[in-house]
């Protein structure tokens, strides 16, 4: 949701690092939950849209999902 790649209910440097580390490739799991990944918008690839979403919600808690 909203760039929260590791499901800790906030968007932080940890989320950005996970997304940036997979940029241009296949998504990976950013924590132990199998449904949470670096592909935060769910389009099947880690791209600029994932980074934009995370950047736009950086520092927020309970970020909003991709619309």
N, C-alpha and C. Protein backbone atom coordinates (compact mmCIF):
# COMPACT_ATOMS: atom_id res chain seq x y z
N UNK A 1 0.82 -1.19 0.00
CA UNK A 1 0.00 0.00 0.00
C UNK A 1 0.86 1.25 0.00
N UNK A 2 0.61 2.13 -0.90
CA UNK A 2 1.20 3.46 -0.89
C UNK A 2 2.70 3.54 -0.81
N UNK A 3 3.41 2.49 -1.15
CA UNK A 3 4.86 2.51 -1.07
C UNK A 3 5.41 1.79 0.14
N UNK A 4 4.52 1.26 0.96
CA UNK A 4 4.93 0.53 2.16
C UNK A 4 5.32 -0.90 1.78
N UNK A 5 6.55 -1.08 1.34
CA UNK A 5 7.00 -2.36 0.81
C UNK A 5 7.24 -3.42 1.87
N UNK A 6 7.40 -3.03 3.12
CA UNK A 6 7.70 -4.04 4.15
C UNK A 6 6.59 -4.21 5.18
N UNK A 7 5.43 -3.64 4.93
CA UNK A 7 4.23 -3.82 5.74
C UNK A 7 4.40 -3.42 7.21
N UNK A 8 5.12 -2.31 7.46
CA UNK A 8 5.25 -1.83 8.83
C UNK A 8 4.35 -0.61 9.10
N UNK A 9 3.44 -0.33 8.18
CA UNK A 9 2.45 0.74 8.29
C UNK A 9 3.03 2.15 8.16
N UNK A 10 4.23 2.26 7.62
CA UNK A 10 4.79 3.57 7.33
C UNK A 10 5.76 3.45 6.14
N UNK A 11 5.96 4.56 5.45
CA UNK A 11 6.89 4.57 4.32
C UNK A 11 8.17 5.25 4.77
N UNK A 12 9.26 4.49 4.75
CA UNK A 12 10.53 4.98 5.28
C UNK A 12 11.67 4.65 4.31
N UNK A 13 12.88 4.94 4.74
CA UNK A 13 14.07 4.64 3.95
C UNK A 13 14.16 3.14 3.68
N UNK A 14 13.71 2.33 4.59
CA UNK A 14 13.73 0.88 4.41
C UNK A 14 12.91 0.47 3.19
N UNK A 15 11.74 1.07 3.03
CA UNK A 15 10.90 0.78 1.88
C UNK A 15 11.56 1.25 0.59
N UNK A 16 12.09 2.46 0.60
CA UNK A 16 12.76 2.99 -0.59
C UNK A 16 13.96 2.15 -0.98
N UNK A 17 14.71 1.67 0.00
CA UNK A 17 15.88 0.83 -0.27
C UNK A 17 15.47 -0.49 -0.91
N UNK A 18 14.41 -1.08 -0.42
CA UNK A 18 13.93 -2.34 -0.99
C UNK A 18 13.49 -2.14 -2.43
N UNK A 19 12.72 -1.09 -2.68
CA UNK A 19 12.23 -0.82 -4.03
C UNK A 19 13.39 -0.49 -4.97
N UNK A 20 14.27 0.40 -4.53
CA UNK A 20 15.40 0.80 -5.37
C UNK A 20 16.33 -0.37 -5.66
N UNK A 21 16.50 -1.27 -4.72
CA UNK A 21 17.36 -2.42 -4.91
C UNK A 21 16.86 -3.37 -5.98
N UNK A 22 15.55 -3.39 -6.20
CA UNK A 22 14.96 -4.27 -7.21
C UNK A 22 14.58 -3.53 -8.48
N UNK A 23 14.88 -2.24 -8.54
CA UNK A 23 14.46 -1.41 -9.67
C UNK A 23 14.87 -2.02 -11.01
N UNK A 24 13.91 -2.12 -11.91
CA UNK A 24 14.17 -2.65 -13.25
C UNK A 24 14.13 -4.16 -13.35
N UNK A 25 13.86 -4.82 -12.24
CA UNK A 25 13.85 -6.28 -12.26
C UNK A 25 12.61 -6.85 -11.63
N UNK A 26 12.72 -8.10 -11.28
CA UNK A 26 11.60 -8.79 -10.65
C UNK A 26 11.46 -8.36 -9.20
N UNK A 27 10.23 -8.29 -8.71
CA UNK A 27 10.02 -7.92 -7.32
C UNK A 27 10.54 -8.99 -6.36
N UNK A 28 10.94 -8.55 -5.19
CA UNK A 28 11.35 -9.47 -4.13
C UNK A 28 10.50 -9.20 -2.90
N UNK A 29 10.58 -10.11 -1.95
CA UNK A 29 9.87 -9.93 -0.69
C UNK A 29 10.71 -9.05 0.21
N UNK A 30 10.10 -8.00 0.74
CA UNK A 30 10.82 -7.03 1.57
C UNK A 30 10.79 -7.37 3.06
N UNK A 31 10.05 -8.38 3.44
CA UNK A 31 10.04 -8.87 4.82
C UNK A 31 9.58 -10.32 4.80
N UNK A 32 9.19 -10.85 5.91
CA UNK A 32 8.83 -12.27 5.97
C UNK A 32 7.43 -12.56 5.45
N UNK A 33 6.64 -11.55 5.19
CA UNK A 33 5.29 -11.79 4.67
C UNK A 33 5.37 -11.99 3.16
N UNK A 34 4.91 -13.11 2.65
CA UNK A 34 5.07 -13.40 1.23
C UNK A 34 4.27 -12.50 0.28
N UNK A 35 3.25 -11.83 0.75
CA UNK A 35 2.43 -11.01 -0.14
C UNK A 35 2.92 -9.56 -0.24
N UNK A 36 3.89 -9.18 0.55
CA UNK A 36 4.42 -7.83 0.53
C UNK A 36 5.71 -7.83 -0.27
N UNK A 37 5.82 -6.93 -1.26
CA UNK A 37 7.02 -6.94 -2.08
C UNK A 37 7.40 -5.54 -2.53
N UNK A 38 8.51 -5.48 -3.23
CA UNK A 38 9.00 -4.20 -3.75
C UNK A 38 8.14 -3.68 -4.89
N UNK A 39 7.27 -4.49 -5.45
CA UNK A 39 6.33 -4.05 -6.49
C UNK A 39 5.07 -3.54 -5.80
N UNK A 40 5.14 -2.32 -5.26
CA UNK A 40 4.06 -1.81 -4.42
C UNK A 40 2.79 -1.47 -5.18
N UNK A 41 2.86 -1.30 -6.49
CA UNK A 41 1.62 -1.03 -7.22
C UNK A 41 1.07 -2.27 -7.91
N UNK A 42 1.74 -3.40 -7.76
CA UNK A 42 1.22 -4.67 -8.23
C UNK A 42 1.13 -4.86 -9.73
N UNK A 43 2.00 -4.19 -10.49
CA UNK A 43 1.95 -4.35 -11.95
C UNK A 43 2.93 -5.40 -12.47
N UNK A 44 3.61 -6.12 -11.57
CA UNK A 44 4.47 -7.21 -11.97
C UNK A 44 5.93 -6.87 -12.16
N UNK A 45 6.29 -5.60 -12.09
CA UNK A 45 7.69 -5.19 -12.22
C UNK A 45 7.98 -4.04 -11.27
N UNK A 46 9.23 -3.89 -10.91
CA UNK A 46 9.64 -2.79 -10.04
C UNK A 46 10.13 -1.67 -10.94
N UNK A 47 9.39 -0.57 -10.96
CA UNK A 47 9.68 0.51 -11.89
C UNK A 47 9.50 1.88 -11.23
N UNK A 48 9.55 2.90 -12.05
CA UNK A 48 9.47 4.27 -11.55
C UNK A 48 8.16 4.53 -10.82
N UNK A 49 7.09 3.86 -11.19
CA UNK A 49 5.81 4.07 -10.52
C UNK A 49 5.87 3.64 -9.05
N UNK A 50 6.60 2.58 -8.77
CA UNK A 50 6.77 2.14 -7.38
C UNK A 50 7.56 3.18 -6.58
N UNK A 51 8.62 3.70 -7.19
CA UNK A 51 9.42 4.72 -6.51
C UNK A 51 8.64 6.01 -6.29
N UNK A 52 7.84 6.41 -7.29
CA UNK A 52 7.04 7.63 -7.17
C UNK A 52 6.02 7.48 -6.05
N UNK A 53 5.38 6.34 -5.98
CA UNK A 53 4.38 6.12 -4.94
C UNK A 53 5.03 6.17 -3.56
N UNK A 54 6.16 5.50 -3.40
CA UNK A 54 6.86 5.50 -2.12
C UNK A 54 7.36 6.90 -1.78
N UNK A 55 7.90 7.61 -2.77
CA UNK A 55 8.39 8.96 -2.52
C UNK A 55 7.28 9.92 -2.14
N UNK A 56 6.12 9.78 -2.78
CA UNK A 56 4.99 10.64 -2.48
C UNK A 56 4.40 10.42 -1.10
N UNK A 57 4.58 9.22 -0.58
CA UNK A 57 4.06 8.89 0.75
C UNK A 57 5.16 8.80 1.81
N UNK A 58 6.37 9.22 1.45
CA UNK A 58 7.50 9.10 2.38
C UNK A 58 7.20 9.81 3.70
N UNK A 59 7.45 9.12 4.79
CA UNK A 59 7.25 9.68 6.12
C UNK A 59 5.82 9.57 6.64
N UNK A 60 4.92 9.06 5.83
CA UNK A 60 3.52 8.95 6.24
C UNK A 60 3.26 7.58 6.86
N UNK A 61 2.31 7.55 7.78
CA UNK A 61 1.82 6.28 8.30
C UNK A 61 0.47 6.01 7.67
N UNK A 62 0.11 4.76 7.60
CA UNK A 62 -1.12 4.32 6.95
C UNK A 62 -1.24 4.91 5.55
N UNK A 63 -0.23 4.70 4.69
CA UNK A 63 -0.26 5.27 3.33
C UNK A 63 -1.41 4.70 2.52
N UNK A 64 -1.86 5.47 1.56
CA UNK A 64 -2.98 5.08 0.70
C UNK A 64 -2.51 4.18 -0.43
N UNK A 65 -3.35 3.24 -0.84
CA UNK A 65 -2.98 2.34 -1.93
C UNK A 65 -2.97 3.05 -3.28
N UNK A 66 -2.35 2.37 -4.26
CA UNK A 66 -2.31 2.86 -5.64
C UNK A 66 -3.73 2.95 -6.17
N UNK A 67 -4.02 4.03 -6.87
CA UNK A 67 -5.37 4.20 -7.43
C UNK A 67 -5.30 4.40 -8.91
